[in-house]
Amino acid sequence: MSRISPTDQVMLLLRERLERAQQRVPEPLAQQASPRERIEAMAAMRMLDERAFRKALVRAMLAQKLGETLVGDPAFDKVVLGVLATLEDSPAGLELIARAEALLGRTAQ
């Protein structure tokens, strides 16, 4: 039996999130913005450069999966940067990032 590497785990998580995002039926507006809505708002206003947008994307996905309470922890930022570096180092990871950017209506700058 083969072991699943951390890279494979990240890839599976992102694929799962992207598939859910594509199949999601619009929900009624919540009082508090979701991580995705916050990223969409920032991207729409062009407040983020490409690297910052990608970091925010990974941060939002991890916060949603692991819980918002971790977001303020400095160790969480290190995890976000590590996951982003792992994704950017692999062609499949870059493809997933590109798909996520396309889903959010953002094109490469």
PDB file of N, CA and C in Angstrom:
ATOM      1  N   MET A   1       0.841  -1.169   0.000  1.00  0.00           N
ATOM      2  CA  MET A   1       0.000   0.000   0.000  1.00  0.00           C
ATOM      3  C   MET A   1       0.893   1.241   0.000  1.00  0.00           C
ATOM      4  N   SER A   2       0.569   2.198  -0.849  1.00  0.00           N
ATOM      5  CA  SER A   2       1.385   3.406  -0.928  1.00  0.00           C
ATOM      6  C   SER A   2       0.874   4.470   0.037  1.00  0.00           C
ATOM      7  N   ARG A   3       1.786   5.345   0.457  1.00  0.00           N
ATOM      8  CA  ARG A   3       1.435   6.419   1.385  1.00  0.00           C
ATOM      9  C   ARG A   3       1.010   7.648   0.586  1.00  0.00           C
ATOM     10  N   ILE A   4       0.134   8.416   1.163  1.00  0.00           N
ATOM     11  CA  ILE A   4      -0.296   9.661   0.540  1.00  0.00           C
ATOM     12  C   ILE A   4       0.590  10.775   1.083  1.00  0.00           C
ATOM     13  N   SER A   5       1.255  11.465   0.173  1.00  0.00           N
ATOM     14  CA  SER A   5       2.158  12.541   0.586  1.00  0.00           C
ATOM     15  C   SER A   5       1.359  13.788   0.965  1.00  0.00           C
ATOM     16  N   PRO A   6       1.991  14.701   1.688  1.00  0.00           N
ATOM     17  CA  PRO A   6       1.304  15.960   2.015  1.00  0.00           C
ATOM     18  C   PRO A   6       0.843  16.714   0.766  1.00  0.00           C
ATOM     19  N   THR A   7       1.649  16.657  -0.291  1.00  0.00           N
ATOM     20  CA  THR A   7       1.254  17.314  -1.543  1.00  0.00           C
ATOM     21  C   THR A   7      -0.019  16.706  -2.086  1.00  0.00           C
ATOM     22  N   ASP A   8      -0.100  15.378  -2.073  1.00  0.00           N
ATOM     23  CA  ASP A   8      -1.305  14.702  -2.554  1.00  0.00           C
ATOM     24  C   ASP A   8      -2.517  15.073  -1.711  1.00  0.00           C
ATOM     25  N   GLN A   9      -2.322  15.200  -0.411  1.00  0.00           N
ATOM     26  CA  GLN A   9      -3.430  15.580   0.470  1.00  0.00           C
ATOM     27  C   GLN A   9      -3.938  16.976   0.137  1.00  0.00           C
ATOM     28  N   VAL A  10      -3.019  17.899  -0.091  1.00  0.00           N
ATOM     29  CA  VAL A  10      -3.405  19.263  -0.446  1.00  0.00           C
ATOM     30  C   VAL A  10      -4.140  19.271  -1.776  1.00  0.00           C
ATOM     31  N   MET A  11      -3.617  18.524  -2.738  1.00  0.00           N
ATOM     32  CA  MET A  11      -4.245  18.467  -4.060  1.00  0.00           C
ATOM     33  C   MET A  11      -5.658  17.897  -3.962  1.00  0.00           C
ATOM     34  N   LEU A  12      -5.825  16.843  -3.191  1.00  0.00           N
ATOM     35  CA  LEU A  12      -7.152  16.253  -3.031  1.00  0.00           C
ATOM     36  C   LEU A  12      -8.117  17.234  -2.381  1.00  0.00           C
ATOM     37  N   LEU A  13      -7.653  17.945  -1.369  1.00  0.00           N
ATOM     38  CA  LEU A  13      -8.498  18.931  -0.694  1.00  0.00           C
ATOM     39  C   LEU A  13      -8.925  20.035  -1.654  1.00  0.00           C
ATOM     40  N   LEU A  14      -7.982  20.556  -2.433  1.00  0.00           N
ATOM     41  CA  LEU A  14      -8.323  21.626  -3.367  1.00  0.00           C
ATOM     42  C   LEU A  14      -9.255  21.135  -4.472  1.00  0.00           C
ATOM     43  N   ARG A  15      -9.010  19.936  -4.975  1.00  0.00           N
ATOM     44  CA  ARG A  15      -9.916  19.383  -5.997  1.00  0.00           C
ATOM     45  C   ARG A  15     -11.329  19.250  -5.445  1.00  0.00           C
ATOM     46  N   GLU A  16     -11.424  18.741  -4.232  1.00  0.00           N
ATOM     47  CA  GLU A  16     -12.730  18.585  -3.587  1.00  0.00           C
ATOM     48  C   GLU A  16     -13.432  19.934  -3.459  1.00  0.00           C
ATOM     49  N   ARG A  17     -12.715  20.949  -3.013  1.00  0.00           N
ATOM     50  CA  ARG A  17     -13.301  22.286  -2.851  1.00  0.00           C
ATOM     51  C   ARG A  17     -13.739  22.871  -4.191  1.00  0.00           C
ATOM     52  N   LEU A  18     -12.910  22.685  -5.225  1.00  0.00           N
ATOM     53  CA  LEU A  18     -13.271  23.214  -6.537  1.00  0.00           C
ATOM     54  C   LEU A  18     -14.500  22.512  -7.104  1.00  0.00           C
ATOM     55  N   GLU A  19     -14.569  21.202  -6.923  1.00  0.00           N
ATOM     56  CA  GLU A  19     -15.738  20.466  -7.402  1.00  0.00           C
ATOM     57  C   GLU A  19     -16.998  20.912  -6.675  1.00  0.00           C
ATOM     58  N   ARG A  20     -16.902  21.099  -5.379  1.00  0.00           N
ATOM     59  CA  ARG A  20     -18.060  21.582  -4.615  1.00  0.00           C
ATOM     60  C   ARG A  20     -18.474  22.975  -5.071  1.00  0.00           C
ATOM     61  N   ALA A  21     -17.498  23.821  -5.319  1.00  0.00           N
ATOM     62  CA  ALA A  21     -17.805  25.189  -5.745  1.00  0.00           C
ATOM     63  C   ALA A  21     -18.525  25.196  -7.087  1.00  0.00           C
ATOM     64  N   GLN A  22     -18.156  24.286  -7.965  1.00  0.00           N
ATOM     65  CA  GLN A  22     -18.786  24.223  -9.276  1.00  0.00           C
ATOM     66  C   GLN A  22     -20.195  23.669  -9.194  1.00  0.00           C
ATOM     67  N   GLN A  23     -20.481  22.830  -8.221  1.00  0.00           N
ATOM     68  CA  GLN A  23     -21.784  22.184  -8.106  1.00  0.00           C
ATOM     69  C   GLN A  23     -22.719  22.904  -7.144  1.00  0.00           C
ATOM     70  N   ARG A  24     -22.212  23.859  -6.416  1.00  0.00           N
ATOM     71  CA  ARG A  24     -22.984  24.522  -5.364  1.00  0.00           C
ATOM     72  C   ARG A  24     -24.157  25.307  -5.946  1.00  0.00           C
ATOM     73  N   VAL A  25     -25.286  25.144  -5.302  1.00  0.00           N
ATOM     74  CA  VAL A  25     -26.473  25.930  -5.624  1.00  0.00           C
ATOM     75  C   VAL A  25     -26.382  27.214  -4.812  1.00  0.00           C
ATOM     76  N   PRO A  26     -26.665  28.356  -5.429  1.00  0.00           N
ATOM     77  CA  PRO A  26     -26.577  29.607  -4.661  1.00  0.00           C
ATOM     78  C   PRO A  26     -27.430  29.553  -3.402  1.00  0.00           C
ATOM     79  N   GLU A  27     -26.841  29.983  -2.290  1.00  0.00           N
ATOM     80  CA  GLU A  27     -27.528  29.990  -1.001  1.00  0.00           C
ATOM     81  C   GLU A  27     -27.989  31.412  -0.695  1.00  0.00           C
ATOM     82  N   PRO A  28     -28.972  31.549   0.181  1.00  0.00           N
ATOM     83  CA  PRO A  28     -29.375  32.905   0.579  1.00  0.00           C
ATOM     84  C   PRO A  28     -28.197  33.635   1.214  1.00  0.00           C
ATOM     85  N   LEU A  29     -28.207  34.935   1.091  1.00  0.00           N
ATOM     86  CA  LEU A  29     -27.107  35.733   1.648  1.00  0.00           C
ATOM     87  C   LEU A  29     -27.044  35.590   3.159  1.00  0.00           C
ATOM     88  N   ALA A  30     -25.864  35.335   3.650  1.00  0.00           N
ATOM     89  CA  ALA A  30     -25.653  35.239   5.095  1.00  0.00           C
ATOM     90  C   ALA A  30     -25.292  36.626   5.618  1.00  0.00           C
ATOM     91  N   GLN A  31     -25.414  36.818   6.917  1.00  0.00           N
ATOM     92  CA  GLN A  31     -25.081  38.116   7.490  1.00  0.00           C
ATOM     93  C   GLN A  31     -23.578  38.360   7.478  1.00  0.00           C
ATOM     94  N   GLN A  32     -22.797  37.307   7.642  1.00  0.00           N
ATOM     95  CA  GLN A  32     -21.350  37.442   7.638  1.00  0.00           C
ATOM     96  C   GLN A  32     -20.813  36.849   6.339  1.00  0.00           C
ATOM     97  N   ALA A  33     -19.876  37.526   5.710  1.00  0.00           N
ATOM     98  CA  ALA A  33     -19.320  37.062   4.446  1.00  0.00           C
ATOM     99  C   ALA A  33     -18.500  35.796   4.657  1.00  0.00           C
ATOM    100  N   SER A  34     -18.602  34.884   3.694  1.00  0.00           N
ATOM    101  CA  SER A  34     -17.800  33.667   3.733  1.00  0.00           C
ATOM    102  C   SER A  34     -16.382  34.009   3.283  1.00  0.00           C
ATOM    103  N   PRO A  35     -15.405  33.112   3.526  1.00  0.00           N
ATOM    104  CA  PRO A  35     -14.046  33.379   3.048  1.00  0.00           C
ATOM    105  C   PRO A  35     -14.009  33.621   1.536  1.00  0.00           C
ATOM    106  N   ARG A  36     -14.792  32.854   0.796  1.00  0.00           N
ATOM    107  CA  ARG A  36     -14.819  33.017  -0.661  1.00  0.00           C
ATOM    108  C   ARG A  36     -15.349  34.404  -1.028  1.00  0.00           C
ATOM    109  N   GLU A  37     -16.396  34.839  -0.357  1.00  0.00           N
ATOM    110  CA  GLU A  37     -16.970  36.154  -0.648  1.00  0.00           C
ATOM    111  C   GLU A  37     -15.977  37.271  -0.347  1.00  0.00           C
ATOM    112  N   ARG A  38     -15.198  37.106   0.712  1.00  0.00           N
ATOM    113  CA  ARG A  38     -14.185  38.116   1.035  1.00  0.00           C
ATOM    114  C   ARG A  38     -13.120  38.183  -0.060  1.00  0.00           C
ATOM    115  N   ILE A  39     -12.686  37.019  -0.539  1.00  0.00           N
ATOM    116  CA  ILE A  39     -11.678  36.984  -1.603  1.00  0.00           C
ATOM    117  C   ILE A  39     -12.245  37.581  -2.884  1.00  0.00           C
ATOM    118  N   GLU A  40     -13.482  37.209  -3.223  1.00  0.00           N
ATOM    119  CA  GLU A  40     -14.113  37.752  -4.430  1.00  0.00           C
ATOM    120  C   GLU A  40     -14.191  39.272  -4.364  1.00  0.00           C
ATOM    121  N   ALA A  41     -14.544  39.784  -3.210  1.00  0.00           N
ATOM    122  CA  ALA A  41     -14.653  41.236  -3.050  1.00  0.00           C
ATOM    123  C   ALA A  41     -13.300  41.907  -3.243  1.00  0.00           C
ATOM    124  N   MET A  42     -12.258  41.321  -2.654  1.00  0.00           N
ATOM    125  CA  MET A  42     -10.927  41.904  -2.789  1.00  0.00           C
ATOM    126  C   MET A  42     -10.432  41.814  -4.230  1.00  0.00           C
ATOM    127  N   ALA A  43     -10.697  40.682  -4.883  1.00  0.00           N
ATOM    128  CA  ALA A  43     -10.262  40.507  -6.271  1.00  0.00           C
ATOM    129  C   ALA A  43     -10.998  41.483  -7.177  1.00  0.00           C
ATOM    130  N   ALA A  44     -12.290  41.659  -6.919  1.00  0.00           N
ATOM    131  CA  ALA A  44     -13.087  42.566  -7.742  1.00  0.00           C
ATOM    132  C   ALA A  44     -12.570  43.990  -7.643  1.00  0.00           C
ATOM    133  N   MET A  45     -12.071  44.366  -6.507  1.00  0.00           N
ATOM    134  CA  MET A  45     -11.548  45.716  -6.317  1.00  0.00           C
ATOM    135  C   MET A  45     -10.081  45.811  -6.713  1.00  0.00           C
ATOM    136  N   ARG A  46      -9.503  44.723  -7.168  1.00  0.00           N
ATOM    137  CA  ARG A  46      -8.099  44.693  -7.593  1.00  0.00           C
ATOM    138  C   ARG A  46      -7.144  45.140  -6.487  1.00  0.00           C
ATOM    139  N   MET A  47      -7.491  44.778  -5.261  1.00  0.00           N
ATOM    140  CA  MET A  47      -6.646  45.168  -4.131  1.00  0.00           C
ATOM    141  C   MET A  47      -5.448  44.239  -3.967  1.00  0.00           C
ATOM    142  N   LEU A  48      -5.512  43.071  -4.570  1.00  0.00           N
ATOM    143  CA  LEU A  48      -4.464  42.081  -4.354  1.00  0.00           C
ATOM    144  C   LEU A  48      -3.675  41.821  -5.626  1.00  0.00           C
ATOM    145  N   ASP A  49      -2.352  41.718  -5.484  1.00  0.00           N
ATOM    146  CA  ASP A  49      -1.568  41.259  -6.618  1.00  0.00           C
ATOM    147  C   ASP A  49      -1.714  39.739  -6.700  1.00  0.00           C
ATOM    148  N   GLU A  50      -1.125  39.130  -7.714  1.00  0.00           N
ATOM    149  CA  GLU A  50      -1.317  37.699  -7.946  1.00  0.00           C
ATOM    150  C   GLU A  50      -0.889  36.854  -6.743  1.00  0.00           C
ATOM    151  N   ARG A  51       0.255  37.131  -6.191  1.00  0.00           N
ATOM    152  CA  ARG A  51       0.774  36.345  -5.062  1.00  0.00           C
ATOM    153  C   ARG A  51      -0.122  36.501  -3.833  1.00  0.00           C
ATOM    154  N   ALA A  52      -0.517  37.722  -3.538  1.00  0.00           N
ATOM    155  CA  ALA A  52      -1.376  37.964  -2.379  1.00  0.00           C
ATOM    156  C   ALA A  52      -2.746  37.315  -2.569  1.00  0.00           C
ATOM    157  N   PHE A  53      -3.244  37.344  -3.806  1.00  0.00           N
ATOM    158  CA  PHE A  53      -4.526  36.706  -4.084  1.00  0.00           C
ATOM    159  C   PHE A  53      -4.432  35.201  -3.841  1.00  0.00           C
ATOM    160  N   ARG A  54      -3.362  34.591  -4.338  1.00  0.00           N
ATOM    161  CA  ARG A  54      -3.182  33.146  -4.144  1.00  0.00           C
ATOM    162  C   ARG A  54      -3.064  32.808  -2.659  1.00  0.00           C
ATOM    163  N   LYS A  55      -2.330  33.625  -1.938  1.00  0.00           N
ATOM    164  CA  LYS A  55      -2.184  33.405  -0.498  1.00  0.00           C
ATOM    165  C   LYS A  55      -3.543  33.513   0.191  1.00  0.00           C
ATOM    166  N   ALA A  56      -4.329  34.509  -0.184  1.00  0.00           N
ATOM    167  CA  ALA A  56      -5.663  34.678   0.400  1.00  0.00           C
ATOM    168  C   ALA A  56      -6.570  33.503   0.052  1.00  0.00           C
ATOM    169  N   LEU A  57      -6.425  32.990  -1.153  1.00  0.00           N
ATOM    170  CA  LEU A  57      -7.219  31.838  -1.583  1.00  0.00           C
ATOM    171  C   LEU A  57      -6.906  30.616  -0.721  1.00  0.00           C
ATOM    172  N   VAL A  58      -5.627  30.309  -0.574  1.00  0.00           N
ATOM    173  CA  VAL A  58      -5.217  29.162   0.245  1.00  0.00           C
ATOM    174  C   VAL A  58      -5.623  29.391   1.698  1.00  0.00           C
ATOM    175  N   ARG A  59      -5.435  30.597   2.180  1.00  0.00           N
ATOM    176  CA  ARG A  59      -5.792  30.938   3.563  1.00  0.00           C
ATOM    177  C   ARG A  59      -7.286  30.715   3.807  1.00  0.00           C
ATOM    178  N   ALA A  60      -8.112  31.163   2.883  1.00  0.00           N
ATOM    179  CA  ALA A  60      -9.562  31.011   3.031  1.00  0.00           C
ATOM    180  C   ALA A  60      -9.972  29.545   3.012  1.00  0.00           C
ATOM    181  N   MET A  61      -9.358  28.770   2.127  1.00  0.00           N
ATOM    182  CA  MET A  61      -9.706  27.348   2.041  1.00  0.00           C
ATOM    183  C   MET A  61      -9.287  26.602   3.302  1.00  0.00           C
ATOM    184  N   LEU A  62      -8.090  26.898   3.793  1.00  0.00           N
ATOM    185  CA  LEU A  62      -7.631  26.235   5.015  1.00  0.00           C
ATOM    186  C   LEU A  62      -8.453  26.677   6.224  1.00  0.00           C
ATOM    187  N   ALA A  63      -8.783  27.957   6.283  1.00  0.00           N
ATOM    188  CA  ALA A  63      -9.595  28.459   7.401  1.00  0.00           C
ATOM    189  C   ALA A  63     -10.968  27.806   7.401  1.00  0.00           C
ATOM    190  N   GLN A  64     -11.520  27.635   6.217  1.00  0.00           N
ATOM    191  CA  GLN A  64     -12.835  27.000   6.123  1.00  0.00           C
ATOM    192  C   GLN A  64     -12.766  25.540   6.566  1.00  0.00           C
ATOM    193  N   LYS A  65     -11.706  24.871   6.190  1.00  0.00           N
ATOM    194  CA  LYS A  65     -11.559  23.448   6.518  1.00  0.00           C
ATOM    195  C   LYS A  65     -11.145  23.236   7.976  1.00  0.00           C
ATOM    196  N   LEU A  66     -10.226  24.068   8.474  1.00  0.00           N
ATOM    197  CA  LEU A  66      -9.654  23.855   9.803  1.00  0.00           C
ATOM    198  C   LEU A  66     -10.296  24.700  10.896  1.00  0.00           C
ATOM    199  N   GLY A  67     -11.006  25.740  10.492  1.00  0.00           N
ATOM    200  CA  GLY A  67     -11.664  26.605  11.472  1.00  0.00           C
ATOM    201  C   GLY A  67     -11.084  28.005  11.486  1.00  0.00           C
ATOM    202  N   GLU A  68     -11.960  28.980  11.575  1.00  0.00           N
ATOM    203  CA  GLU A  68     -11.566  30.391  11.558  1.00  0.00           C
ATOM    204  C   GLU A  68     -10.730  30.788  12.776  1.00  0.00           C
ATOM    205  N   THR A  69     -10.825  30.036  13.859  1.00  0.00           N
ATOM    206  CA  THR A  69     -10.089  30.409  15.071  1.00  0.00           C
ATOM    207  C   THR A  69      -8.576  30.338  14.884  1.00  0.00           C
ATOM    208  N   LEU A  70      -8.107  29.562  13.924  1.00  0.00           N
ATOM    209  CA  LEU A  70      -6.670  29.429  13.685  1.00  0.00           C
ATOM    210  C   LEU A  70      -6.084  30.592  12.903  1.00  0.00           C
ATOM    211  N   VAL A  71      -6.922  31.359  12.237  1.00  0.00           N
ATOM    212  CA  VAL A  71      -6.453  32.392  11.318  1.00  0.00           C
ATOM    213  C   VAL A  71      -5.524  33.404  11.981  1.00  0.00           C
ATOM    214  N   GLY A  72      -5.755  33.761  13.210  1.00  0.00           N
ATOM    215  CA  GLY A  72      -4.925  34.746  13.891  1.00  0.00           C
ATOM    216  C   GLY A  72      -3.588  34.219  14.386  1.00  0.00           C
ATOM    217  N   ASP A  73      -3.391  32.923  14.342  1.00  0.00           N
ATOM    218  CA  ASP A  73      -2.168  32.307  14.848  1.00  0.00           C
ATOM    219  C   ASP A  73      -1.034  32.471  13.830  1.00  0.00           C
ATOM    220  N   PRO A  74       0.141  32.984  14.245  1.00  0.00           N
ATOM    221  CA  PRO A  74       1.263  33.130  13.317  1.00  0.00           C
ATOM    222  C   PRO A  74       1.678  31.804  12.669  1.00  0.00           C
ATOM    223  N   ALA A  75       1.495  30.707  13.371  1.00  0.00           N
ATOM    224  CA  ALA A  75       1.826  29.400  12.795  1.00  0.00           C
ATOM    225  C   ALA A  75       0.924  29.087  11.605  1.00  0.00           C
ATOM    226  N   PHE A  76      -0.299  29.600  11.640  1.00  0.00           N
ATOM    227  CA  PHE A  76      -1.228  29.381  10.529  1.00  0.00           C
ATOM    228  C   PHE A  76      -0.687  30.027   9.254  1.00  0.00           C
ATOM    229  N   ASP A  77      -0.087  31.213   9.379  1.00  0.00           N
ATOM    230  CA  ASP A  77       0.508  31.876   8.216  1.00  0.00           C
ATOM    231  C   ASP A  77       1.627  31.031   7.614  1.00  0.00           C
ATOM    232  N   LYS A  78       2.418  30.396   8.468  1.00  0.00           N
ATOM    233  CA  LYS A  78       3.483  29.527   7.973  1.00  0.00           C
ATOM    234  C   LYS A  78       2.909  28.334   7.218  1.00  0.00           C
ATOM    235  N   VAL A  79       1.816  27.785   7.726  1.00  0.00           N
ATOM    236  CA  VAL A  79       1.154  26.665   7.044  1.00  0.00           C
ATOM    237  C   VAL A  79       0.628  27.129   5.688  1.00  0.00           C
ATOM    238  N   VAL A  80       0.000  28.296   5.660  1.00  0.00           N
ATOM    239  CA  VAL A  80      -0.532  28.843   4.407  1.00  0.00           C
ATOM    240  C   VAL A  80       0.589  29.000   3.383  1.00  0.00           C
ATOM    241  N   LEU A  81       1.703  29.593   3.794  1.00  0.00           N
ATOM    242  CA  LEU A  81       2.827  29.786   2.876  1.00  0.00           C
ATOM    243  C   LEU A  81       3.409  28.458   2.410  1.00  0.00           C
ATOM    244  N   GLY A  82       3.464  27.479   3.308  1.00  0.00           N
ATOM    245  CA  GLY A  82       3.959  26.156   2.932  1.00  0.00           C
ATOM    246  C   GLY A  82       3.060  25.467   1.925  1.00  0.00           C
ATOM    247  N   VAL A  83       1.761  25.544   2.149  1.00  0.00           N
ATOM    248  CA  VAL A  83       0.803  24.938   1.214  1.00  0.00           C
ATOM    249  C   VAL A  83       0.882  25.642  -0.136  1.00  0.00           C
ATOM    250  N   LEU A  84       0.943  26.961  -0.122  1.00  0.00           N
ATOM    251  CA  LEU A  84       1.033  27.716  -1.373  1.00  0.00           C
ATOM    252  C   LEU A  84       2.311  27.364  -2.132  1.00  0.00           C
ATOM    253  N   ALA A  85       3.427  27.269  -1.435  1.00  0.00           N
ATOM    254  CA  ALA A  85       4.692  26.900  -2.079  1.00  0.00           C
ATOM    255  C   ALA A  85       4.598  25.509  -2.688  1.00  0.00           C
ATOM    256  N   THR A  86       3.979  24.587  -1.971  1.00  0.00           N
ATOM    257  CA  THR A  86       3.800  23.225  -2.483  1.00  0.00           C
ATOM    258  C   THR A  86       2.967  23.240  -3.755  1.00  0.00           C
ATOM    259  N   LEU A  87       1.897  24.000  -3.750  1.00  0.00           N
ATOM    260  CA  LEU A  87       1.035  24.090  -4.934  1.00  0.00           C
ATOM    261  C   LEU A  87       1.768  24.724  -6.112  1.00  0.00           C
ATOM    262  N   GLU A  88       2.501  25.790  -5.845  1.00  0.00           N
ATOM    263  CA  GLU A  88       3.193  26.496  -6.923  1.00  0.00           C
ATOM    264  C   GLU A  88       4.378  25.711  -7.473  1.00  0.00           C
ATOM    265  N   ASP A  89       4.857  24.733  -6.724  1.00  0.00           N
ATOM    266  CA  ASP A  89       5.981  23.919  -7.181  1.00  0.00           C
ATOM    267  C   ASP A  89       5.557  22.752  -8.057  1.00  0.00           C
ATOM    268  N   SER A  90       4.260  22.542  -8.207  1.00  0.00           N
ATOM    269  CA  SER A  90       3.812  21.404  -9.006  1.00  0.00           C
ATOM    270  C   SER A  90       2.881  21.873 -10.122  1.00  0.00           C
ATOM    271  N   PRO A  91       3.018  21.282 -11.310  1.00  0.00           N
ATOM    272  CA  PRO A  91       2.128  21.646 -12.417  1.00  0.00           C
ATOM    273  C   PRO A  91       0.651  21.423 -12.077  1.00  0.00           C
ATOM    274  N   ALA A  92       0.362  20.340 -11.386  1.00  0.00           N
ATOM    275  CA  ALA A  92      -1.033  20.065 -11.011  1.00  0.00           C
ATOM    276  C   ALA A  92      -1.535  21.112 -10.018  1.00  0.00           C
ATOM    277  N   GLY A  93      -0.678  21.544  -9.116  1.00  0.00           N
ATOM    278  CA  GLY A  93      -1.054  22.578  -8.155  1.00  0.00           C
ATOM    279  C   GLY A  93      -1.319  23.907  -8.836  1.00  0.00           C
ATOM    280  N   LEU A  94      -0.466  24.253  -9.799  1.00  0.00           N
ATOM    281  CA  LEU A  94      -0.684  25.489 -10.554  1.00  0.00           C
ATOM    282  C   LEU A  94      -1.989  25.429 -11.344  1.00  0.00           C
ATOM    283  N   GLU A  95      -2.305  24.249 -11.857  1.00  0.00           N
ATOM    284  CA  GLU A  95      -3.569  24.078 -12.586  1.00  0.00           C
ATOM    285  C   GLU A  95      -4.759  24.286 -11.648  1.00  0.00           C
ATOM    286  N   LEU A  96      -4.677  23.737 -10.447  1.00  0.00           N
ATOM    287  CA  LEU A  96      -5.759  23.928  -9.474  1.00  0.00           C
ATOM    288  C   LEU A  96      -5.921  25.398  -9.089  1.00  0.00           C
ATOM    289  N   ILE A  97      -4.810  26.075  -8.908  1.00  0.00           N
ATOM    290  CA  ILE A  97      -4.873  27.503  -8.588  1.00  0.00           C
ATOM    291  C   ILE A  97      -5.523  28.264  -9.739  1.00  0.00           C
ATOM    292  N   ALA A  98      -5.126  27.935 -10.960  1.00  0.00           N
ATOM    293  CA  ALA A  98      -5.702  28.607 -12.130  1.00  0.00           C
ATOM    294  C   ALA A  98      -7.204  28.357 -12.223  1.00  0.00           C
ATOM    295  N   ARG A  99      -7.619  27.125 -11.937  1.00  0.00           N
ATOM    296  CA  ARG A  99      -9.055  26.813 -11.966  1.00  0.00           C
ATOM    297  C   ARG A  99      -9.803  27.601 -10.897  1.00  0.00           C
ATOM    298  N   ALA A 100      -9.211  27.698  -9.717  1.00  0.00           N
ATOM    299  CA  ALA A 100      -9.847  28.460  -8.638  1.00  0.00           C
ATOM    300  C   ALA A 100      -9.942  29.935  -9.017  1.00  0.00           C
ATOM    301  N   GLU A 101      -8.875  30.467  -9.603  1.00  0.00           N
ATOM    302  CA  GLU A 101      -8.893  31.866 -10.036  1.00  0.00           C
ATOM    303  C   GLU A 101      -9.964  32.086 -11.096  1.00  0.00           C
ATOM    304  N   ALA A 102     -10.108  31.138 -12.010  1.00  0.00           N
ATOM    305  CA  ALA A 102     -11.136  31.251 -13.049  1.00  0.00           C
ATOM    306  C   ALA A 102     -12.534  31.199 -12.440  1.00  0.00           C
ATOM    307  N   LEU A 103     -12.729  30.308 -11.469  1.00  0.00           N
ATOM    308  CA  LEU A 103     -14.033  30.223 -10.808  1.00  0.00           C
ATOM    309  C   LEU A 103     -14.393  31.524 -10.102  1.00  0.00           C
ATOM    310  N   LEU A 104     -13.385  32.196  -9.602  1.00  0.00           N
ATOM    311  CA  LEU A 104     -13.610  33.458  -8.904  1.00  0.00           C
ATOM    312  C   LEU A 104     -13.601  34.652  -9.856  1.00  0.00           C
ATOM    313  N   GLY A 105     -13.483  34.366 -11.150  1.00  0.00           N
ATOM    314  CA  GLY A 105     -13.542  35.434 -12.142  1.00  0.00           C
ATOM    315  C   GLY A 105     -12.297  36.282 -12.222  1.00  0.00           C
ATOM    316  N   ARG A 106     -11.173  35.709 -11.840  1.00  0.00           N
ATOM    317  CA  ARG A 106      -9.918  36.463 -11.866  1.00  0.00           C
ATOM    318  C   ARG A 106      -9.030  35.884 -12.952  1.00  0.00           C
ATOM    319  N   THR A 107      -8.446  36.734 -13.759  1.00  0.00           N
ATOM    320  CA  THR A 107      -7.524  36.293 -14.795  1.00  0.00           C
ATOM    321  C   THR A 107      -6.119  36.686 -14.392  1.00  0.00           C
ATOM    322  N   ALA A 108      -5.143  35.986 -14.947  1.00  0.00           N
ATOM    323  CA  ALA A 108      -3.742  36.277 -14.614  1.00  0.00           C
ATOM    324  C   ALA A 108      -3.401  37.708 -15.007  1.00  0.00           C
ATOM    325  N   GLN A 109      -2.604  38.353 -14.172  1.00  0.00           N
ATOM    326  CA  GLN A 109      -2.215  39.747 -14.434  1.00  0.00           C
ATOM    327  C   GLN A 109      -0.810  39.797 -14.955  1.00  0.00           C
TER     328      GLN A 109
END
